[in-house]
C-alpha cells in the first residue's frame, strides 16, 4: 500500500480509497474469524501495554505497519465481546452497518448541535428518540437525547431531574437505586453534585429485583428526616444479574400524595442501539426524559 505524502495534510481520492480498502480487508478477516477466536485473551496484557509506551514520535509510521500493530497485537489482547463465546456483562460486539454509519458521520462531519445546521440529520435523531418513547408508552410531550453510553445517559437523567425537581440548594435531594444498579448511577449522582450518602441502595429480592416495600419505607423515612426524595432509577435488566424493576409498583411508591414533586421515572439503564449518522460512536444509549404528570416545583 502506497500513500502519496506530497501534501500530507490532504489525501488524494486514491489515498482515501487505499486506506479504507486496507482497513476493510483486516476488518472483514477479523469478523469472519470471530467464531474461532477466544472469548478473552488478556494474560499478556501488562507486557503488551509496557511495550507500547513510547515518547512523542517525531515522524509518522507507515499505515500498513499501524494496521499490523492494531490487528495482530493490540486488538487480540482483549475481551472479545463480539465473539459467540463471550457471555459476560454488557459490552456489545458492535454492528457492522453501525460502523459504516459512523464512518459516514465522521467523514461528512456535520454539526447537529442546533436544528438549523442540519435539519434532516437532527430529525433522524428525533425520530429514534420518539420511537423509544413510543416503545416505553411515554406521552407525546416526552423527549430525550441520544448519548455515547450508559454512564453519560445516567448523568444526563440525574442532572435533568435535579434541575426540574429541586431548588438551587439541592443537597437535601436523595436518589434511589437497587443494590443491583450499575455503579455509573452513583458516579453520576456525585458528578451532579450530590454527597455519596444521598444515594440510597434499596435491597433486592431473590430474583434480584428491587424490593418496592423497602423503597417506599426508605422514601417515607427520608421525608420524615427532612430529605427531599426526587429520583428513582428503574432497571430494565441490571448489568450483573439481569434483574428487572417492576416499574408500575415502583412508580406507585413514589407517586403517593406525600411524594408530590418527585420524578417517578429516571434513566433507562444502559439501553444500547445502533447509531445513526449524526454522531461519532458505534453505540448509543437512549436517555428518555421523564414526562411526569405531577406538578413541578
C-alpha atoms as a PDB file:
ATOM      1  CA  UNK A   1       0.000   0.000   0.000  1.00  0.00           C
ATOM      2  CA  UNK A   2       1.498   3.339  -1.095  1.00  0.00           C
ATOM      3  CA  UNK A   3       0.328   6.671   0.276  1.00  0.00           C
ATOM      4  CA  UNK A   4       1.291   9.826  -1.606  1.00  0.00           C
ATOM      5  CA  UNK A   5       2.762  12.172   1.001  1.00  0.00           C
ATOM      6  CA  UNK A   6       3.332  15.120  -1.327  1.00  0.00           C
ATOM      7  CA  UNK A   7       0.748  17.018   0.684  1.00  0.00           C
ATOM      8  CA  UNK A   8       0.485  15.100   3.973  1.00  0.00           C
ATOM      9  CA  UNK A   9      -2.399  17.231   5.262  1.00  0.00           C
ATOM     10  CA  UNK A  10      -4.727  16.298   2.410  1.00  0.00           C
ATOM     11  CA  UNK A  11      -5.257  12.839   0.951  1.00  0.00           C
ATOM     12  CA  UNK A  12      -5.991  12.227  -2.702  1.00  0.00           C
ATOM     13  CA  UNK A  13      -9.040  10.238  -3.762  1.00  0.00           C
ATOM     14  CA  UNK A  14      -6.788   7.272  -4.407  1.00  0.00           C
ATOM     15  CA  UNK A  15      -5.164   7.556  -0.991  1.00  0.00           C
ATOM     16  CA  UNK A  16      -8.529   7.631   0.729  1.00  0.00           C
ATOM     17  CA  UNK A  17      -9.731   4.548  -1.115  1.00  0.00           C
ATOM     18  CA  UNK A  18      -6.463   2.776  -0.368  1.00  0.00           C
ATOM     19  CA  UNK A  19      -6.756   3.488   3.362  1.00  0.00           C
ATOM     20  CA  UNK A  20     -10.355   2.298   3.553  1.00  0.00           C
ATOM     21  CA  UNK A  21      -9.616  -0.801   1.460  1.00  0.00           C
ATOM     22  CA  UNK A  22      -6.642  -1.666   3.667  1.00  0.00           C
ATOM     23  CA  UNK A  23      -8.703  -1.351   6.822  1.00  0.00           C
ATOM     24  CA  UNK A  24     -11.657  -3.239   5.308  1.00  0.00           C
ATOM     25  CA  UNK A  25      -9.572  -6.264   4.434  1.00  0.00           C
ATOM     26  CA  UNK A  26      -8.479  -6.522   8.067  1.00  0.00           C
ATOM     27  CA  UNK A  27     -11.971  -5.842   9.416  1.00  0.00           C
ATOM     28  CA  UNK A  28     -13.641  -8.484   7.251  1.00  0.00           C
ATOM     29  CA  UNK A  29     -10.978 -11.032   8.151  1.00  0.00           C
ATOM     30  CA  UNK A  30     -11.492 -10.224  11.838  1.00  0.00           C
ATOM     31  CA  UNK A  31     -15.281 -10.544  11.697  1.00  0.00           C
ATOM     32  CA  UNK A  32     -15.207 -13.773   9.704  1.00  0.00           C
ATOM     33  CA  UNK A  33     -12.822 -15.357  12.205  1.00  0.00           C
ATOM     34  CA  UNK A  34     -14.876 -14.438  15.293  1.00  0.00           C
ATOM     35  CA  UNK A  35     -16.265 -17.982  15.814  1.00  0.00           C
ATOM     36  CA  UNK A  36     -12.707 -19.284  16.128  1.00  0.00           C
ATOM     37  CA  UNK A  37     -11.391 -16.531  18.387  1.00  0.00           C
ATOM     38  CA  UNK A  38     -11.154 -16.955  22.182  1.00  0.00           C
ATOM     39  CA  UNK A  39     -13.667 -15.136  24.365  1.00  0.00           C
ATOM     40  CA  UNK A  40     -10.800 -13.419  26.177  1.00  0.00           C
ATOM     41  CA  UNK A  41      -7.028 -13.281  25.815  1.00  0.00           C
ATOM     42  CA  UNK A  42      -5.521 -10.795  28.254  1.00  0.00           C
ATOM     43  CA  UNK A  43      -2.841 -12.830  30.029  1.00  0.00           C
ATOM     44  CA  UNK A  44      -0.068 -10.911  28.291  1.00  0.00           C
ATOM     45  CA  UNK A  45      -1.820  -7.562  28.739  1.00  0.00           C
ATOM     46  CA  UNK A  46       0.684  -5.967  31.141  1.00  0.00           C
ATOM     47  CA  UNK A  47       3.650  -6.849  28.945  1.00  0.00           C
ATOM     48  CA  UNK A  48       1.828  -5.612  25.846  1.00  0.00           C
ATOM     49  CA  UNK A  49       0.938  -2.328  27.500  1.00  0.00           C
ATOM     50  CA  UNK A  50       4.545  -1.767  28.602  1.00  0.00           C
ATOM     51  CA  UNK A  51       5.789  -2.488  25.093  1.00  0.00           C
ATOM     52  CA  UNK A  52       3.525   0.209  23.663  1.00  0.00           C
ATOM     53  CA  UNK A  53       4.818   3.008  25.895  1.00  0.00           C
ATOM     54  CA  UNK A  54       6.795   5.468  23.787  1.00  0.00           C
ATOM     55  CA  UNK A  55       7.670   9.174  23.696  1.00  0.00           C
ATOM     56  CA  UNK A  56       6.005  11.601  21.335  1.00  0.00           C
ATOM     57  CA  UNK A  57       7.082  10.464  17.851  1.00  0.00           C
ATOM     58  CA  UNK A  58       8.909  12.852  15.564  1.00  0.00           C
ATOM     59  CA  UNK A  59       7.967  11.022  12.381  1.00  0.00           C
ATOM     60  CA  UNK A  60       4.944   9.125  11.150  1.00  0.00           C
ATOM     61  CA  UNK A  61       4.573   5.345  10.896  1.00  0.00           C
ATOM     62  CA  UNK A  62       3.591   3.690   7.609  1.00  0.00           C
ATOM     63  CA  UNK A  63      -0.128   2.967   7.518  1.00  0.00           C
ATOM     64  CA  UNK A  64       0.319  -0.755   6.842  1.00  0.00           C
ATOM     65  CA  UNK A  65       2.541  -1.069   9.913  1.00  0.00           C
ATOM     66  CA  UNK A  66      -0.103   0.600  12.068  1.00  0.00           C
ATOM     67  CA  UNK A  67      -2.688  -1.907  10.834  1.00  0.00           C
ATOM     68  CA  UNK A  68      -0.306  -4.741  11.688  1.00  0.00           C
ATOM     69  CA  UNK A  69       0.136  -3.445  15.230  1.00  0.00           C
ATOM     70  CA  UNK A  70      -3.595  -2.998  15.732  1.00  0.00           C
ATOM     71  CA  UNK A  71      -4.898  -6.268  14.303  1.00  0.00           C
ATOM     72  CA  UNK A  72      -2.000  -8.564  15.191  1.00  0.00           C
ATOM     73  CA  UNK A  73      -1.028  -7.269  18.632  1.00  0.00           C
ATOM     74  CA  UNK A  74      -3.375  -4.788  20.239  1.00  0.00           C
ATOM     75  CA  UNK A  75      -6.889  -5.920  19.273  1.00  0.00           C
ATOM     76  CA  UNK A  76      -6.436  -9.656  20.017  1.00  0.00           C
ATOM     77  CA  UNK A  77      -5.310  -8.905  23.594  1.00  0.00           C
ATOM     78  CA  UNK A  78      -8.754  -8.091  24.964  1.00  0.00           C
ATOM     79  CA  UNK A  79     -12.186  -9.371  25.904  1.00  0.00           C
ATOM     80  CA  UNK A  80     -13.718 -10.477  22.624  1.00  0.00           C
ATOM     81  CA  UNK A  81     -17.180  -9.017  23.199  1.00  0.00           C
ATOM     82  CA  UNK A  82     -18.268  -9.723  19.621  1.00  0.00           C
ATOM     83  CA  UNK A  83     -17.434 -13.429  19.742  1.00  0.00           C
ATOM     84  CA  UNK A  84     -20.072 -16.114  20.330  1.00  0.00           C
ATOM     85  CA  UNK A  85     -18.199 -17.377  23.386  1.00  0.00           C
ATOM     86  CA  UNK A  86     -18.427 -14.080  25.264  1.00  0.00           C
ATOM     87  CA  UNK A  87     -21.266 -14.206  27.812  1.00  0.00           C
ATOM     88  CA  UNK A  88     -20.236 -11.651  30.438  1.00  0.00           C
ATOM     89  CA  UNK A  89     -21.546  -8.206  31.290  1.00  0.00           C
ATOM     90  CA  UNK A  90     -22.969  -5.657  28.895  1.00  0.00           C
ATOM     91  CA  UNK A  91     -20.403  -4.580  26.277  1.00  0.00           C
ATOM     92  CA  UNK A  92     -21.849  -5.233  22.850  1.00  0.00           C
ATOM     93  CA  UNK A  93     -19.959  -6.678  19.943  1.00  0.00           C
ATOM     94  CA  UNK A  94     -20.794  -3.902  17.534  1.00  0.00           C
ATOM     95  CA  UNK A  95     -22.815  -3.896  14.345  1.00  0.00           C
ATOM     96  CA  UNK A  96     -21.085  -3.576  11.006  1.00  0.00           C
ATOM     97  CA  UNK A  97     -23.726  -1.332   9.441  1.00  0.00           C
ATOM     98  CA  UNK A  98     -23.471   0.880  12.534  1.00  0.00           C
ATOM     99  CA  UNK A  99     -19.715   1.153  11.957  1.00  0.00           C
ATOM    100  CA  UNK A 100     -20.359   2.177   8.350  1.00  0.00           C
ATOM    101  CA  UNK A 101     -22.818   4.823   9.604  1.00  0.00           C
ATOM    102  CA  UNK A 102     -20.112   6.159  11.903  1.00  0.00           C
ATOM    103  CA  UNK A 103     -17.664   6.326   9.002  1.00  0.00           C
ATOM    104  CA  UNK A 104     -20.189   8.412   7.081  1.00  0.00           C
ATOM    105  CA  UNK A 105     -20.930  10.610  10.104  1.00  0.00           C
ATOM    106  CA  UNK A 106     -17.272  11.242  10.885  1.00  0.00           C
ATOM    107  CA  UNK A 107     -16.407  11.893   7.243  1.00  0.00           C
ATOM    108  CA  UNK A 108     -19.158  14.390   6.410  1.00  0.00           C
ATOM    109  CA  UNK A 109     -18.700  15.913   9.899  1.00  0.00           C
ATOM    110  CA  UNK A 110     -21.986  17.795  10.073  1.00  0.00           C
ATOM    111  CA  UNK A 111     -22.778  19.935  13.107  1.00  0.00           C
ATOM    112  CA  UNK A 112     -26.059  18.850  14.688  1.00  0.00           C
ATOM    113  CA  UNK A 113     -25.963  20.860  17.892  1.00  0.00           C
ATOM    114  CA  UNK A 114     -28.729  23.093  16.535  1.00  0.00           C
ATOM    115  CA  UNK A 115     -31.562  22.138  14.205  1.00  0.00           C
ATOM    116  CA  UNK A 116     -30.857  24.764  11.535  1.00  0.00           C
ATOM    117  CA  UNK A 117     -27.314  23.481  10.917  1.00  0.00           C
ATOM    118  CA  UNK A 118     -28.517  20.065   9.673  1.00  0.00           C
ATOM    119  CA  UNK A 119     -32.310  19.775   9.902  1.00  0.00           C
ATOM    120  CA  UNK A 120     -32.571  16.409   8.178  1.00  0.00           C
ATOM    121  CA  UNK A 121     -29.960  14.728  10.361  1.00  0.00           C
ATOM    122  CA  UNK A 122     -31.419  16.235  13.519  1.00  0.00           C
ATOM    123  CA  UNK A 123     -34.846  14.929  12.509  1.00  0.00           C
ATOM    124  CA  UNK A 124     -33.447  11.406  12.091  1.00  0.00           C
ATOM    125  CA  UNK A 125     -32.203  11.533  15.668  1.00  0.00           C
ATOM    126  CA  UNK A 126     -35.513  12.947  16.861  1.00  0.00           C
ATOM    127  CA  UNK A 127     -37.297  10.054  15.148  1.00  0.00           C
ATOM    128  CA  UNK A 128     -35.255   7.489  17.074  1.00  0.00           C
ATOM    129  CA  UNK A 129     -35.964   9.214  20.388  1.00  0.00           C
ATOM    130  CA  UNK A 130     -39.672   9.325  19.518  1.00  0.00           C
ATOM    131  CA  UNK A 131     -39.627   5.598  18.741  1.00  0.00           C
ATOM    132  CA  UNK A 132     -38.146   4.860  22.142  1.00  0.00           C
ATOM    133  CA  UNK A 133     -40.782   6.987  23.832  1.00  0.00           C
ATOM    134  CA  UNK A 134     -43.478   5.088  21.942  1.00  0.00           C
ATOM    135  CA  UNK A 135     -41.980   1.712  22.857  1.00  0.00           C
ATOM    136  CA  UNK A 136     -41.997   2.716  26.531  1.00  0.00           C
ATOM    137  CA  UNK A 137     -45.511   4.101  26.356  1.00  0.00           C
ATOM    138  CA  UNK A 138     -44.471   7.674  27.169  1.00  0.00           C
ATOM    139  CA  UNK A 139     -46.815  10.520  26.166  1.00  0.00           C
ATOM    140  CA  UNK A 140     -46.267  12.775  23.152  1.00  0.00           C
ATOM    141  CA  UNK A 141     -44.735  15.520  25.285  1.00  0.00           C
ATOM    142  CA  UNK A 142     -41.876  13.219  26.385  1.00  0.00           C
ATOM    143  CA  UNK A 143     -38.465  13.644  24.796  1.00  0.00           C
ATOM    144  CA  UNK A 144     -34.803  12.845  25.217  1.00  0.00           C
ATOM    145  CA  UNK A 145     -31.350  12.666  23.669  1.00  0.00           C
ATOM    146  CA  UNK A 146     -29.008  10.001  22.314  1.00  0.00           C
ATOM    147  CA  UNK A 147     -25.744   9.736  24.230  1.00  0.00           C
ATOM    148  CA  UNK A 148     -22.457   7.910  23.748  1.00  0.00           C
ATOM    149  CA  UNK A 149     -23.123   5.399  26.523  1.00  0.00           C
ATOM    150  CA  UNK A 150     -24.955   4.441  29.686  1.00  0.00           C
ATOM    151  CA  UNK A 151     -22.789   6.469  32.053  1.00  0.00           C
ATOM    152  CA  UNK A 152     -23.448   9.720  30.221  1.00  0.00           C
ATOM    153  CA  UNK A 153     -27.124   8.816  29.889  1.00  0.00           C
ATOM    154  CA  UNK A 154     -27.448   8.342  33.642  1.00  0.00           C
ATOM    155  CA  UNK A 155     -25.631  11.616  34.350  1.00  0.00           C
ATOM    156  CA  UNK A 156     -27.908  13.456  31.915  1.00  0.00           C
ATOM    157  CA  UNK A 157     -31.011  11.992  33.538  1.00  0.00           C
ATOM    158  CA  UNK A 158     -29.956  12.887  37.086  1.00  0.00           C
ATOM    159  CA  UNK A 159     -28.933  16.445  36.186  1.00  0.00           C
ATOM    160  CA  UNK A 160     -32.196  16.948  34.280  1.00  0.00           C
ATOM    161  CA  UNK A 161     -34.278  15.689  37.185  1.00  0.00           C
ATOM    162  CA  UNK A 162     -32.263  17.790  39.648  1.00  0.00           C
ATOM    163  CA  UNK A 163     -32.904  20.956  37.645  1.00  0.00           C
ATOM    164  CA  UNK A 164     -36.591  20.157  37.182  1.00  0.00           C
ATOM    165  CA  UNK A 165     -37.469  18.928  40.677  1.00  0.00           C
ATOM    166  CA  UNK A 166     -35.110  20.565  43.155  1.00  0.00           C
ATOM    167  CA  UNK A 167     -34.247  24.132  44.170  1.00  0.00           C
ATOM    168  CA  UNK A 168     -30.809  25.619  43.559  1.00  0.00           C
ATOM    169  CA  UNK A 169     -29.697  24.441  47.005  1.00  0.00           C
ATOM    170  CA  UNK A 170     -30.312  20.779  46.277  1.00  0.00           C
ATOM    171  CA  UNK A 171     -28.211  18.974  48.884  1.00  0.00           C
ATOM    172  CA  UNK A 172     -31.300  17.540  50.590  1.00  0.00           C
ATOM    173  CA  UNK A 173     -32.227  15.631  47.424  1.00  0.00           C
ATOM    174  CA  UNK A 174     -31.981  11.842  47.552  1.00  0.00           C
ATOM    175  CA  UNK A 175     -31.572   9.286  44.754  1.00  0.00           C
ATOM    176  CA  UNK A 176     -32.848   5.696  44.941  1.00  0.00           C
ATOM    177  CA  UNK A 177     -31.374   2.647  43.211  1.00  0.00           C
ATOM    178  CA  UNK A 178     -31.448  -1.069  43.807  1.00  0.00           C
ATOM    179  CA  UNK A 179     -28.361  -2.828  45.141  1.00  0.00           C
ATOM    180  CA  UNK A 180     -28.003  -4.304  41.629  1.00  0.00           C
ATOM    181  CA  UNK A 181     -27.927  -0.992  39.759  1.00  0.00           C
ATOM    182  CA  UNK A 182     -24.816  -0.179  37.734  1.00  0.00           C
ATOM    183  CA  UNK A 183     -22.232   1.887  39.609  1.00  0.00           C
ATOM    184  CA  UNK A 184     -22.431   4.609  36.968  1.00  0.00           C
ATOM    185  CA  UNK A 185     -25.555   5.866  38.744  1.00  0.00           C
ATOM    186  CA  UNK A 186     -23.647   6.513  41.969  1.00  0.00           C
ATOM    187  CA  UNK A 187     -20.881   8.200  39.981  1.00  0.00           C
ATOM    188  CA  UNK A 188     -23.412  10.295  38.082  1.00  0.00           C
ATOM    189  CA  UNK A 189     -25.016  11.454  41.329  1.00  0.00           C
ATOM    190  CA  UNK A 190     -21.633  12.578  42.672  1.00  0.00           C
ATOM    191  CA  UNK A 191     -20.793  14.364  39.408  1.00  0.00           C
ATOM    192  CA  UNK A 192     -24.198  16.036  39.596  1.00  0.00           C
ATOM    193  CA  UNK A 193     -23.156  17.498  42.949  1.00  0.00           C
ATOM    194  CA  UNK A 194     -24.784  15.177  45.480  1.00  0.00           C
ATOM    195  CA  UNK A 195     -22.991  13.755  48.505  1.00  0.00           C
ATOM    196  CA  UNK A 196     -22.429   9.988  48.074  1.00  0.00           C
ATOM    197  CA  UNK A 197     -24.574   9.359  51.161  1.00  0.00           C
ATOM    198  CA  UNK A 198     -27.589  10.813  49.328  1.00  0.00           C
ATOM    199  CA  UNK A 199     -27.731   7.766  47.052  1.00  0.00           C
ATOM    200  CA  UNK A 200     -29.890   5.102  48.717  1.00  0.00           C
ATOM    201  CA  UNK A 201     -29.282   1.498  47.700  1.00  0.00           C
ATOM    202  CA  UNK A 202     -32.514  -0.452  48.140  1.00  0.00           C
ATOM    203  CA  UNK A 203     -32.156  -4.218  48.706  1.00  0.00           C
ATOM    204  CA  UNK A 204     -33.325  -6.635  46.021  1.00  0.00           C
ATOM    205  CA  UNK A 205     -35.286  -9.866  46.353  1.00  0.00           C
ATOM    206  CA  UNK A 206     -34.339 -13.429  45.424  1.00  0.00           C
ATOM    207  CA  UNK A 207     -34.857 -12.577  41.743  1.00  0.00           C
ATOM    208  CA  UNK A 208     -32.526  -9.560  42.043  1.00  0.00           C
ATOM    209  CA  UNK A 209     -35.437  -7.128  41.606  1.00  0.00           C
ATOM    210  CA  UNK A 210     -35.758  -4.096  43.846  1.00  0.00           C
ATOM    211  CA  UNK A 211     -37.992  -4.565  46.881  1.00  0.00           C
ATOM    212  CA  UNK A 212     -40.730  -1.991  46.380  1.00  0.00           C
ATOM    213  CA  UNK A 213     -41.811  -2.225  50.028  1.00  0.00           C
ATOM    214  CA  UNK A 214     -38.306  -1.243  51.138  1.00  0.00           C
ATOM    215  CA  UNK A 215     -38.252   1.549  48.575  1.00  0.00           C
ATOM    216  CA  UNK A 216     -41.497   3.008  49.935  1.00  0.00           C
ATOM    217  CA  UNK A 217     -40.255   2.662  53.514  1.00  0.00           C
ATOM    218  CA  UNK A 218     -36.979   4.462  52.733  1.00  0.00           C
ATOM    219  CA  UNK A 219     -38.740   7.297  50.932  1.00  0.00           C
ATOM    220  CA  UNK A 220     -41.107   7.790  53.859  1.00  0.00           C
ATOM    221  CA  UNK A 221     -38.236   7.679  56.351  1.00  0.00           C
ATOM    222  CA  UNK A 222     -36.202  10.205  54.359  1.00  0.00           C
ATOM    223  CA  UNK A 223     -39.091  12.645  54.099  1.00  0.00           C
ATOM    224  CA  UNK A 224     -39.659  12.476  57.816  1.00  0.00           C
ATOM    225  CA  UNK A 225     -35.947  13.198  58.340  1.00  0.00           C
ATOM    226  CA  UNK A 226     -36.119  16.345  56.204  1.00  0.00           C
ATOM    227  CA  UNK A 227     -34.690  14.976  52.951  1.00  0.00           C
ATOM    228  CA  UNK A 228     -36.273  15.544  49.532  1.00  0.00           C
ATOM    229  CA  UNK A 229     -36.612  12.288  47.584  1.00  0.00           C
ATOM    230  CA  UNK A 230     -36.689  13.205  43.910  1.00  0.00           C
ATOM    231  CA  UNK A 231     -35.221  10.479  41.694  1.00  0.00           C
ATOM    232  CA  UNK A 232     -35.732   6.719  41.366  1.00  0.00           C
ATOM    233  CA  UNK A 233     -33.684   4.576  38.982  1.00  0.00           C
ATOM    234  CA  UNK A 234     -35.536   1.744  37.282  1.00  0.00           C
ATOM    235  CA  UNK A 235     -33.588  -1.129  35.737  1.00  0.00           C
ATOM    236  CA  UNK A 236     -34.637  -2.817  32.526  1.00  0.00           C
ATOM    237  CA  UNK A 237     -32.131  -5.608  33.187  1.00  0.00           C
ATOM    238  CA  UNK A 238     -29.196  -4.977  35.521  1.00  0.00           C
ATOM    239  CA  UNK A 239     -25.598  -5.451  34.443  1.00  0.00           C
ATOM    240  CA  UNK A 240     -24.545  -8.332  36.678  1.00  0.00           C
ATOM    241  CA  UNK A 241     -27.763 -10.283  37.236  1.00  0.00           C
ATOM    242  CA  UNK A 242     -30.331  -9.134  34.668  1.00  0.00           C
ATOM    243  CA  UNK A 243     -32.769  -8.098  37.394  1.00  0.00           C
ATOM    244  CA  UNK A 244     -35.701  -6.025  36.137  1.00  0.00           C
ATOM    245  CA  UNK A 245     -37.600  -3.397  38.071  1.00  0.00           C
ATOM    246  CA  UNK A 246     -41.353  -3.743  38.334  1.00  0.00           C
ATOM    247  CA  UNK A 247     -41.999  -0.262  37.003  1.00  0.00           C
ATOM    248  CA  UNK A 248     -45.652   0.330  37.913  1.00  0.00           C
ATOM    249  CA  UNK A 249     -45.367  -0.655  41.596  1.00  0.00           C
ATOM    250  CA  UNK A 250     -42.130   1.318  41.842  1.00  0.00           C
ATOM    251  CA  UNK A 251     -43.750   4.417  40.355  1.00  0.00           C
ATOM    252  CA  UNK A 252     -46.676   3.912  42.717  1.00  0.00           C
ATOM    253  CA  UNK A 253     -44.359   4.003  45.693  1.00  0.00           C
ATOM    254  CA  UNK A 254     -43.223   7.486  44.674  1.00  0.00           C
ATOM    255  CA  UNK A 255     -46.482   8.947  43.405  1.00  0.00           C
ATOM    256  CA  UNK A 256     -48.404   8.972  46.649  1.00  0.00           C
ATOM    257  CA  UNK A 257     -49.854  12.338  47.723  1.00  0.00           C
ATOM    258  CA  UNK A 258     -46.941  12.785  50.113  1.00  0.00           C
ATOM    259  CA  UNK A 259     -44.457  12.425  47.256  1.00  0.00           C
ATOM    260  CA  UNK A 260     -45.614  15.346  45.140  1.00  0.00           C
ATOM    261  CA  UNK A 261     -42.831  16.803  43.005  1.00  0.00           C
ATOM    262  CA  UNK A 262     -40.853  13.583  42.731  1.00  0.00           C
ATOM    263  CA  UNK A 263     -39.548  12.338  39.408  1.00  0.00           C
ATOM    264  CA  UNK A 264     -41.110   8.897  39.136  1.00  0.00           C
ATOM    265  CA  UNK A 265     -39.119   7.735  36.142  1.00  0.00           C
ATOM    266  CA  UNK A 266     -35.430   8.201  35.617  1.00  0.00           C
ATOM    267  CA  UNK A 267     -32.872   6.898  33.181  1.00  0.00           C
ATOM    268  CA  UNK A 268     -33.386   3.700  31.272  1.00  0.00           C
ATOM    269  CA  UNK A 269     -30.201   1.973  32.334  1.00  0.00           C
ATOM    270  CA  UNK A 270     -27.752   1.017  29.630  1.00  0.00           C
ATOM    271  CA  UNK A 271     -30.098   0.597  26.694  1.00  0.00           C
ATOM    272  CA  UNK A 272     -27.921   0.363  23.580  1.00  0.00           C
ATOM    273  CA  UNK A 273     -28.873   0.821  19.937  1.00  0.00           C
ATOM    274  CA  UNK A 274     -27.042   1.164  16.623  1.00  0.00           C
ATOM    275  CA  UNK A 275     -26.010   4.679  15.773  1.00  0.00           C
ATOM    276  CA  UNK A 276     -27.414   6.849  13.038  1.00  0.00           C
ATOM    277  CA  UNK A 277     -25.144   9.142  11.022  1.00  0.00           C
ATOM    278  CA  UNK A 278     -25.286  12.146  13.334  1.00  0.00           C
ATOM    279  CA  UNK A 279     -22.563  11.408  15.890  1.00  0.00           C
ATOM    280  CA  UNK A 280     -19.276   9.521  16.110  1.00  0.00           C
ATOM    281  CA  UNK A 281     -19.948   6.493  18.328  1.00  0.00           C
ATOM    282  CA  UNK A 282     -20.839   2.972  17.248  1.00  0.00           C
ATOM    283  CA  UNK A 283     -23.311   2.594  20.086  1.00  0.00           C
ATOM    284  CA  UNK A 284     -25.831   4.931  21.586  1.00  0.00           C
ATOM    285  CA  UNK A 285     -27.721   4.935  24.824  1.00  0.00           C
ATOM    286  CA  UNK A 286     -31.131   6.484  24.991  1.00  0.00           C
ATOM    287  CA  UNK A 287     -31.904   8.642  27.975  1.00  0.00           C
ATOM    288  CA  UNK A 288     -35.652   9.115  27.809  1.00  0.00           C
ATOM    289  CA  UNK A 289     -36.585  12.132  29.875  1.00  0.00           C
ATOM    290  CA  UNK A 290     -39.339  11.687  32.417  1.00  0.00           C
ATOM    291  CA  UNK A 291     -42.552  13.397  31.417  1.00  0.00           C
ATOM    292  CA  UNK A 292     -44.198  13.044  34.786  1.00  0.00           C
ATOM    293  CA  UNK A 293     -47.715  14.429  35.084  1.00  0.00           C
ATOM    294  CA  UNK A 294     -47.027  15.502  38.643  1.00  0.00           C
ATOM    295  CA  UNK A 295     -46.602  19.228  39.335  1.00  0.00           C
ATOM    296  CA  UNK A 296     -43.135  20.698  39.040  1.00  0.00           C
ATOM    297  CA  UNK A 297     -41.526  22.804  41.728  1.00  0.00           C
END
